[in-house]
Amino acid sequence: MNDHEFWALVSLVRRDPPATDQAAFAPLEAELGRRGEAEIKQFEDILAQRLYDLDRSELAAVPSAATGLPLSSDSFLYYRGAVVLAGEQAYRSVLEDPEKFRSYTGVGGPEAEFLLYVAQHAYESSTGKEWEHVSPVDYETGSNPAGWS
């Protein structure tokens, strides 16, 4: 799977209405399930890399647009997911200008958590096997040493 295919798959998440529940992710999960084990794992690995790339201290320092409070480790991860859900242009824009991250910290973060489980659900439903895949990079907050130095 290449970058173009990854972003095309991400665009399958329903945004109108906005992705406010797990059902919005069903089209992406179904499409991944049709593609097979290798592509599901590739999707997960690219997703992990995109979240890892956004794991930067200057983004984590941006307060929540909804509350004005600092972001928790979990909420920072979910808001990074919201950036990925917004698409490639949003992702690149935030990497180039960290101030643009604030616009993703108001709504949609908690719901973006579902993105973290799409590959696992697609894999388990399509194969009947337990998900044991571990991506080459860890996307948990603080895992990207270059982003926190």
N, C-alpha and C. Protein backbone atom coordinates (compact mmCIF):
# COMPACT_ATOMS: atom_id res chain seq x y z
N MET A 1 0.85 -1.18 0.00
CA MET A 1 0.00 0.00 0.00
C MET A 1 0.89 1.24 0.00
N ASN A 2 0.56 2.16 -0.86
CA ASN A 2 1.33 3.40 -0.90
C ASN A 2 0.57 4.51 -0.17
N ASP A 3 1.21 5.66 -0.08
CA ASP A 3 0.63 6.79 0.64
C ASP A 3 -0.70 7.23 0.03
N HIS A 4 -0.76 7.26 -1.29
CA HIS A 4 -2.00 7.67 -1.97
C HIS A 4 -3.15 6.75 -1.59
N GLU A 5 -2.90 5.44 -1.59
CA GLU A 5 -3.95 4.48 -1.22
C GLU A 5 -4.36 4.65 0.24
N PHE A 6 -3.38 4.90 1.11
CA PHE A 6 -3.69 5.11 2.52
C PHE A 6 -4.66 6.28 2.69
N TRP A 7 -4.33 7.42 2.08
CA TRP A 7 -5.19 8.59 2.25
C TRP A 7 -6.55 8.39 1.60
N ALA A 8 -6.60 7.65 0.51
CA ALA A 8 -7.90 7.34 -0.11
C ALA A 8 -8.75 6.50 0.83
N LEU A 9 -8.12 5.55 1.52
CA LEU A 9 -8.86 4.74 2.48
C LEU A 9 -9.35 5.58 3.66
N VAL A 10 -8.51 6.45 4.16
CA VAL A 10 -8.91 7.32 5.28
C VAL A 10 -10.13 8.15 4.89
N SER A 11 -10.20 8.54 3.63
CA SER A 11 -11.32 9.38 3.18
C SER A 11 -12.65 8.63 3.19
N LEU A 12 -12.62 7.32 3.38
CA LEU A 12 -13.86 6.55 3.45
C LEU A 12 -14.62 6.76 4.76
N VAL A 13 -13.96 7.30 5.77
CA VAL A 13 -14.64 7.56 7.03
C VAL A 13 -15.67 8.66 6.79
N ARG A 14 -16.91 8.37 7.17
CA ARG A 14 -18.00 9.33 6.92
C ARG A 14 -17.78 10.60 7.74
N ARG A 15 -17.84 11.73 7.07
CA ARG A 15 -17.66 13.01 7.75
C ARG A 15 -18.92 13.86 7.71
N ASP A 16 -19.94 13.41 7.03
CA ASP A 16 -21.17 14.18 6.92
C ASP A 16 -22.34 13.26 7.21
N PRO A 17 -22.78 13.18 8.45
CA PRO A 17 -22.32 13.98 9.58
C PRO A 17 -20.91 13.60 9.99
N PRO A 18 -20.27 14.45 10.81
CA PRO A 18 -18.90 14.15 11.22
C PRO A 18 -18.78 12.79 11.90
N ALA A 19 -17.57 12.26 11.89
CA ALA A 19 -17.31 10.95 12.48
C ALA A 19 -17.46 11.04 14.00
N THR A 20 -18.68 10.84 14.48
CA THR A 20 -18.93 10.98 15.92
C THR A 20 -19.16 9.65 16.61
N ASP A 21 -19.16 8.58 15.88
CA ASP A 21 -19.28 7.28 16.51
C ASP A 21 -18.61 6.22 15.64
N GLN A 22 -18.53 5.03 16.17
CA GLN A 22 -17.82 3.96 15.49
C GLN A 22 -18.43 3.63 14.13
N ALA A 23 -19.73 3.84 13.97
CA ALA A 23 -20.40 3.52 12.70
C ALA A 23 -19.81 4.32 11.53
N ALA A 24 -19.30 5.51 11.80
CA ALA A 24 -18.71 6.33 10.74
C ALA A 24 -17.48 5.67 10.13
N PHE A 25 -16.87 4.75 10.89
CA PHE A 25 -15.65 4.08 10.44
C PHE A 25 -15.94 2.76 9.71
N ALA A 26 -17.20 2.36 9.67
CA ALA A 26 -17.58 1.08 9.06
C ALA A 26 -17.16 0.96 7.59
N PRO A 27 -17.32 1.99 6.76
CA PRO A 27 -16.88 1.85 5.36
C PRO A 27 -15.38 1.56 5.24
N LEU A 28 -14.57 2.21 6.05
CA LEU A 28 -13.13 1.96 6.04
C LEU A 28 -12.83 0.55 6.52
N GLU A 29 -13.45 0.16 7.60
CA GLU A 29 -13.22 -1.18 8.14
C GLU A 29 -13.61 -2.26 7.12
N ALA A 30 -14.75 -2.07 6.45
CA ALA A 30 -15.21 -3.05 5.46
C ALA A 30 -14.24 -3.13 4.28
N GLU A 31 -13.79 -1.99 3.80
CA GLU A 31 -12.86 -1.99 2.66
C GLU A 31 -11.54 -2.65 3.03
N LEU A 32 -11.03 -2.36 4.21
CA LEU A 32 -9.79 -3.01 4.65
C LEU A 32 -9.98 -4.52 4.73
N GLY A 33 -11.12 -4.95 5.26
CA GLY A 33 -11.41 -6.38 5.37
C GLY A 33 -11.40 -7.07 4.02
N ARG A 34 -11.86 -6.38 2.99
CA ARG A 34 -11.87 -6.96 1.63
C ARG A 34 -10.46 -7.07 1.05
N ARG A 35 -9.54 -6.27 1.54
CA ARG A 35 -8.20 -6.21 0.96
C ARG A 35 -7.26 -7.29 1.47
N GLY A 36 -7.55 -7.89 2.58
CA GLY A 36 -6.71 -8.98 3.06
C GLY A 36 -5.70 -8.57 4.12
N GLU A 37 -5.11 -9.60 4.72
CA GLU A 37 -4.22 -9.42 5.87
C GLU A 37 -3.06 -8.47 5.61
N ALA A 38 -2.36 -8.65 4.51
CA ALA A 38 -1.17 -7.84 4.25
C ALA A 38 -1.51 -6.35 4.17
N GLU A 39 -2.57 -6.02 3.47
CA GLU A 39 -2.92 -4.61 3.31
C GLU A 39 -3.48 -4.02 4.60
N ILE A 40 -4.16 -4.82 5.39
CA ILE A 40 -4.64 -4.33 6.69
C ILE A 40 -3.43 -3.93 7.55
N LYS A 41 -2.43 -4.78 7.56
CA LYS A 41 -1.22 -4.49 8.35
C LYS A 41 -0.47 -3.29 7.78
N GLN A 42 -0.44 -3.17 6.47
CA GLN A 42 0.22 -2.01 5.85
C GLN A 42 -0.51 -0.72 6.22
N PHE A 43 -1.84 -0.77 6.21
CA PHE A 43 -2.61 0.41 6.62
C PHE A 43 -2.25 0.79 8.05
N GLU A 44 -2.23 -0.18 8.94
CA GLU A 44 -1.90 0.07 10.34
C GLU A 44 -0.50 0.68 10.47
N ASP A 45 0.45 0.17 9.71
CA ASP A 45 1.82 0.67 9.80
C ASP A 45 1.93 2.11 9.30
N ILE A 46 1.22 2.43 8.23
CA ILE A 46 1.25 3.81 7.72
C ILE A 46 0.54 4.73 8.71
N LEU A 47 -0.59 4.29 9.25
CA LEU A 47 -1.28 5.08 10.27
C LEU A 47 -0.36 5.35 11.45
N ALA A 48 0.30 4.31 11.93
CA ALA A 48 1.22 4.48 13.06
C ALA A 48 2.31 5.49 12.73
N GLN A 49 2.83 5.44 11.51
CA GLN A 49 3.87 6.39 11.11
C GLN A 49 3.34 7.82 11.08
N ARG A 50 2.13 8.01 10.56
CA ARG A 50 1.55 9.36 10.49
C ARG A 50 1.33 9.91 11.90
N LEU A 51 0.82 9.09 12.82
CA LEU A 51 0.61 9.52 14.20
C LEU A 51 1.94 9.80 14.89
N TYR A 52 2.93 8.98 14.61
CA TYR A 52 4.28 9.15 15.15
C TYR A 52 4.88 10.48 14.66
N ASP A 53 4.70 10.78 13.38
CA ASP A 53 5.21 12.03 12.81
C ASP A 53 4.62 13.25 13.51
N LEU A 54 3.35 13.13 13.93
CA LEU A 54 2.67 14.24 14.60
C LEU A 54 2.95 14.29 16.10
N ASP A 55 3.67 13.32 16.61
CA ASP A 55 4.00 13.25 18.04
C ASP A 55 5.18 14.19 18.32
N ARG A 56 4.85 15.46 18.51
CA ARG A 56 5.87 16.50 18.67
C ARG A 56 5.49 17.41 19.84
N SER A 57 6.48 17.80 20.59
CA SER A 57 6.22 18.61 21.79
C SER A 57 5.51 19.92 21.48
N GLU A 58 5.84 20.55 20.35
CA GLU A 58 5.18 21.83 20.04
C GLU A 58 3.69 21.65 19.74
N LEU A 59 3.31 20.47 19.27
CA LEU A 59 1.88 20.19 19.08
C LEU A 59 1.23 19.85 20.42
N ALA A 60 1.91 19.07 21.23
CA ALA A 60 1.37 18.68 22.53
C ALA A 60 1.16 19.90 23.43
N ALA A 61 1.94 20.95 23.21
CA ALA A 61 1.83 22.16 24.04
C ALA A 61 0.62 23.02 23.68
N VAL A 62 -0.02 22.74 22.55
CA VAL A 62 -1.19 23.51 22.14
C VAL A 62 -2.35 23.15 23.06
N PRO A 63 -2.97 24.13 23.71
CA PRO A 63 -4.09 23.80 24.60
C PRO A 63 -5.35 23.44 23.80
N SER A 64 -6.26 22.79 24.47
CA SER A 64 -7.53 22.41 23.85
C SER A 64 -8.29 23.66 23.43
N ALA A 65 -8.77 23.68 22.20
CA ALA A 65 -9.59 24.79 21.72
C ALA A 65 -10.93 24.80 22.43
N ALA A 66 -11.37 23.64 22.92
CA ALA A 66 -12.66 23.54 23.59
C ALA A 66 -12.61 24.06 25.02
N THR A 67 -11.50 23.79 25.73
CA THR A 67 -11.44 24.11 27.15
C THR A 67 -10.34 25.10 27.52
N GLY A 68 -9.34 25.25 26.65
CA GLY A 68 -8.20 26.08 26.97
C GLY A 68 -7.19 25.40 27.88
N LEU A 69 -7.49 24.17 28.27
CA LEU A 69 -6.62 23.41 29.17
C LEU A 69 -5.58 22.62 28.38
N PRO A 70 -4.47 22.25 29.03
CA PRO A 70 -3.48 21.40 28.37
C PRO A 70 -4.09 20.05 27.98
N LEU A 71 -3.56 19.46 26.94
CA LEU A 71 -4.04 18.16 26.48
C LEU A 71 -3.41 17.04 27.31
N SER A 72 -4.21 16.03 27.64
CA SER A 72 -3.66 14.84 28.28
C SER A 72 -2.94 14.02 27.21
N SER A 73 -2.18 13.03 27.63
CA SER A 73 -1.49 12.16 26.67
C SER A 73 -2.49 11.49 25.73
N ASP A 74 -3.59 10.99 26.30
CA ASP A 74 -4.60 10.34 25.46
C ASP A 74 -5.28 11.32 24.52
N SER A 75 -5.69 12.48 25.04
CA SER A 75 -6.38 13.42 24.16
C SER A 75 -5.43 13.92 23.06
N PHE A 76 -4.15 14.08 23.37
CA PHE A 76 -3.20 14.48 22.33
C PHE A 76 -3.14 13.42 21.23
N LEU A 77 -3.13 12.16 21.60
CA LEU A 77 -3.15 11.08 20.60
C LEU A 77 -4.42 11.14 19.76
N TYR A 78 -5.57 11.31 20.40
CA TYR A 78 -6.83 11.32 19.66
C TYR A 78 -6.92 12.53 18.73
N TYR A 79 -6.41 13.68 19.17
CA TYR A 79 -6.43 14.85 18.29
C TYR A 79 -5.46 14.70 17.13
N ARG A 80 -4.37 13.97 17.33
CA ARG A 80 -3.50 13.65 16.19
C ARG A 80 -4.28 12.77 15.22
N GLY A 81 -5.08 11.85 15.76
CA GLY A 81 -5.95 11.04 14.91
C GLY A 81 -6.94 11.89 14.14
N ALA A 82 -7.45 12.94 14.77
CA ALA A 82 -8.39 13.84 14.09
C ALA A 82 -7.71 14.53 12.91
N VAL A 83 -6.43 14.85 13.06
CA VAL A 83 -5.67 15.46 11.96
C VAL A 83 -5.57 14.47 10.81
N VAL A 84 -5.24 13.22 11.11
CA VAL A 84 -5.14 12.20 10.06
C VAL A 84 -6.49 12.03 9.37
N LEU A 85 -7.56 11.99 10.16
CA LEU A 85 -8.90 11.85 9.57
C LEU A 85 -9.25 13.02 8.65
N ALA A 86 -8.68 14.18 8.92
CA ALA A 86 -8.96 15.35 8.08
C ALA A 86 -8.28 15.26 6.71
N GLY A 87 -7.34 14.32 6.57
CA GLY A 87 -6.74 14.08 5.27
C GLY A 87 -5.29 14.53 5.14
N GLU A 88 -4.73 14.19 4.00
CA GLU A 88 -3.31 14.44 3.76
C GLU A 88 -2.95 15.92 3.82
N GLN A 89 -3.79 16.76 3.24
CA GLN A 89 -3.48 18.19 3.24
C GLN A 89 -3.45 18.73 4.67
N ALA A 90 -4.39 18.32 5.50
CA ALA A 90 -4.42 18.76 6.90
C ALA A 90 -3.18 18.25 7.63
N TYR A 91 -2.84 17.00 7.41
CA TYR A 91 -1.66 16.40 8.04
C TYR A 91 -0.40 17.19 7.69
N ARG A 92 -0.20 17.45 6.41
CA ARG A 92 1.00 18.18 5.97
C ARG A 92 0.99 19.62 6.49
N SER A 93 -0.18 20.22 6.52
CA SER A 93 -0.32 21.59 6.99
C SER A 93 0.07 21.71 8.47
N VAL A 94 -0.36 20.77 9.29
CA VAL A 94 -0.02 20.79 10.72
C VAL A 94 1.47 20.55 10.92
N LEU A 95 2.06 19.67 10.12
CA LEU A 95 3.50 19.45 10.23
C LEU A 95 4.29 20.71 9.89
N GLU A 96 3.79 21.47 8.91
CA GLU A 96 4.47 22.69 8.49
C GLU A 96 4.23 23.86 9.43
N ASP A 97 3.03 23.91 10.03
CA ASP A 97 2.67 25.03 10.90
C ASP A 97 1.93 24.50 12.13
N PRO A 98 2.65 24.25 13.22
CA PRO A 98 2.04 23.68 14.42
C PRO A 98 0.84 24.46 14.96
N GLU A 99 0.75 25.76 14.69
CA GLU A 99 -0.40 26.54 15.16
C GLU A 99 -1.71 26.03 14.56
N LYS A 100 -1.64 25.40 13.40
CA LYS A 100 -2.85 24.87 12.75
C LYS A 100 -3.42 23.68 13.51
N PHE A 101 -2.62 23.08 14.38
CA PHE A 101 -3.09 21.94 15.17
C PHE A 101 -4.24 22.33 16.08
N ARG A 102 -4.22 23.55 16.58
CA ARG A 102 -5.25 24.01 17.52
C ARG A 102 -6.66 23.82 16.95
N SER A 103 -6.83 24.01 15.67
CA SER A 103 -8.17 23.88 15.08
C SER A 103 -8.70 22.45 15.14
N TYR A 104 -7.84 21.49 15.43
CA TYR A 104 -8.27 20.09 15.53
C TYR A 104 -8.49 19.66 16.98
N THR A 105 -8.28 20.58 17.94
CA THR A 105 -8.39 20.22 19.35
C THR A 105 -9.72 20.62 19.97
N GLY A 106 -10.66 21.04 19.17
CA GLY A 106 -11.96 21.46 19.71
C GLY A 106 -12.95 20.33 19.76
N VAL A 107 -13.16 19.69 18.65
CA VAL A 107 -14.12 18.58 18.57
C VAL A 107 -13.51 17.47 17.73
N GLY A 108 -14.01 16.28 17.90
CA GLY A 108 -13.58 15.17 17.05
C GLY A 108 -12.46 14.34 17.59
N GLY A 109 -11.74 14.82 18.57
CA GLY A 109 -10.64 14.05 19.12
C GLY A 109 -11.06 12.73 19.73
N PRO A 110 -12.01 12.77 20.67
CA PRO A 110 -12.42 11.51 21.29
C PRO A 110 -12.93 10.50 20.26
N GLU A 111 -13.66 10.97 19.27
CA GLU A 111 -14.19 10.06 18.25
C GLU A 111 -13.07 9.52 17.36
N ALA A 112 -12.01 10.28 17.19
CA ALA A 112 -10.90 9.83 16.36
C ALA A 112 -10.21 8.61 16.96
N GLU A 113 -10.46 8.34 18.23
CA GLU A 113 -9.89 7.14 18.86
C GLU A 113 -10.29 5.89 18.08
N PHE A 114 -11.47 5.88 17.49
CA PHE A 114 -11.92 4.71 16.72
C PHE A 114 -10.96 4.37 15.59
N LEU A 115 -10.29 5.37 15.04
CA LEU A 115 -9.33 5.14 13.96
C LEU A 115 -8.22 4.19 14.41
N LEU A 116 -7.86 4.25 15.68
CA LEU A 116 -6.78 3.41 16.21
C LEU A 116 -7.12 1.93 16.18
N TYR A 117 -8.40 1.60 16.07
CA TYR A 117 -8.83 0.20 16.14
C TYR A 117 -9.40 -0.35 14.84
N VAL A 118 -9.45 0.46 13.81
CA VAL A 118 -10.04 0.04 12.54
C VAL A 118 -9.32 -1.17 11.95
N ALA A 119 -8.00 -1.13 11.89
CA ALA A 119 -7.25 -2.24 11.30
C ALA A 119 -7.46 -3.52 12.11
N GLN A 120 -7.42 -3.40 13.42
CA GLN A 120 -7.63 -4.57 14.28
C GLN A 120 -9.01 -5.17 14.04
N HIS A 121 -10.05 -4.34 14.01
CA HIS A 121 -11.41 -4.84 13.79
C HIS A 121 -11.54 -5.48 12.41
N ALA A 122 -10.97 -4.83 11.39
CA ALA A 122 -11.03 -5.37 10.03
C ALA A 122 -10.33 -6.72 9.96
N TYR A 123 -9.18 -6.81 10.58
CA TYR A 123 -8.40 -8.06 10.58
C TYR A 123 -9.17 -9.18 11.28
N GLU A 124 -9.65 -8.89 12.48
CA GLU A 124 -10.34 -9.92 13.26
C GLU A 124 -11.63 -10.36 12.60
N SER A 125 -12.39 -9.40 12.01
CA SER A 125 -13.64 -9.81 11.35
C SER A 125 -13.41 -10.56 10.06
N SER A 126 -12.36 -10.21 9.33
CA SER A 126 -12.15 -10.86 8.04
C SER A 126 -11.39 -12.17 8.14
N THR A 127 -10.59 -12.34 9.19
CA THR A 127 -9.78 -13.57 9.30
C THR A 127 -10.26 -14.52 10.39
N GLY A 128 -10.99 -13.99 11.37
CA GLY A 128 -11.39 -14.81 12.51
C GLY A 128 -10.24 -15.05 13.48
N LYS A 129 -9.11 -14.40 13.22
CA LYS A 129 -7.94 -14.56 14.08
C LYS A 129 -7.77 -13.33 14.96
N GLU A 130 -7.03 -13.53 16.06
CA GLU A 130 -6.74 -12.43 16.97
C GLU A 130 -5.65 -11.54 16.38
N TRP A 131 -5.81 -10.24 16.53
CA TRP A 131 -4.84 -9.25 16.05
C TRP A 131 -3.61 -9.28 16.95
N GLU A 132 -2.46 -9.55 16.37
CA GLU A 132 -1.22 -9.57 17.13
C GLU A 132 -0.14 -8.70 16.50
N HIS A 133 -0.52 -7.98 15.49
CA HIS A 133 0.43 -7.15 14.74
C HIS A 133 0.96 -6.00 15.60
N VAL A 134 2.25 -5.76 15.52
CA VAL A 134 2.88 -4.63 16.18
C VAL A 134 3.59 -3.81 15.11
N SER A 135 3.22 -2.55 14.99
CA SER A 135 3.82 -1.68 13.98
C SER A 135 5.27 -1.34 14.34
N PRO A 136 6.06 -1.01 13.32
CA PRO A 136 7.47 -0.69 13.56
C PRO A 136 7.69 0.55 14.42
N VAL A 137 6.72 1.46 14.45
CA VAL A 137 6.84 2.65 15.31
C VAL A 137 5.68 2.70 16.29
N ASP A 138 5.94 3.26 17.44
CA ASP A 138 4.94 3.41 18.49
C ASP A 138 4.36 4.82 18.40
N TYR A 139 3.05 4.93 18.35
CA TYR A 139 2.44 6.25 18.22
C TYR A 139 1.97 6.85 19.53
N GLU A 140 2.21 6.16 20.64
CA GLU A 140 1.80 6.73 21.93
C GLU A 140 2.54 8.05 22.16
N THR A 141 1.90 8.94 22.88
CA THR A 141 2.47 10.25 23.16
C THR A 141 3.86 10.14 23.78
N GLY A 142 4.80 10.87 23.20
CA GLY A 142 6.17 10.89 23.70
C GLY A 142 7.08 9.84 23.11
N SER A 143 6.59 9.05 22.16
CA SER A 143 7.38 7.95 21.58
C SER A 143 8.36 8.40 20.51
N ASN A 144 8.14 9.56 19.93
CA ASN A 144 8.99 10.06 18.85
C ASN A 144 10.10 10.94 19.44
N PRO A 145 11.30 10.38 19.67
CA PRO A 145 12.35 11.16 20.32
C PRO A 145 12.71 12.44 19.55
N ALA A 146 12.66 12.40 18.23
CA ALA A 146 12.99 13.59 17.44
C ALA A 146 11.95 14.70 17.66
N GLY A 147 10.73 14.31 17.96
CA GLY A 147 9.67 15.29 18.18
C GLY A 147 9.66 15.89 19.57
N TRP A 148 10.44 15.32 20.46
CA TRP A 148 10.44 15.79 21.85
C TRP A 148 11.81 16.26 22.31
N SER A 149 12.73 16.47 21.37
CA SER A 149 14.07 16.92 21.78
C SER A 149 14.24 18.41 21.61
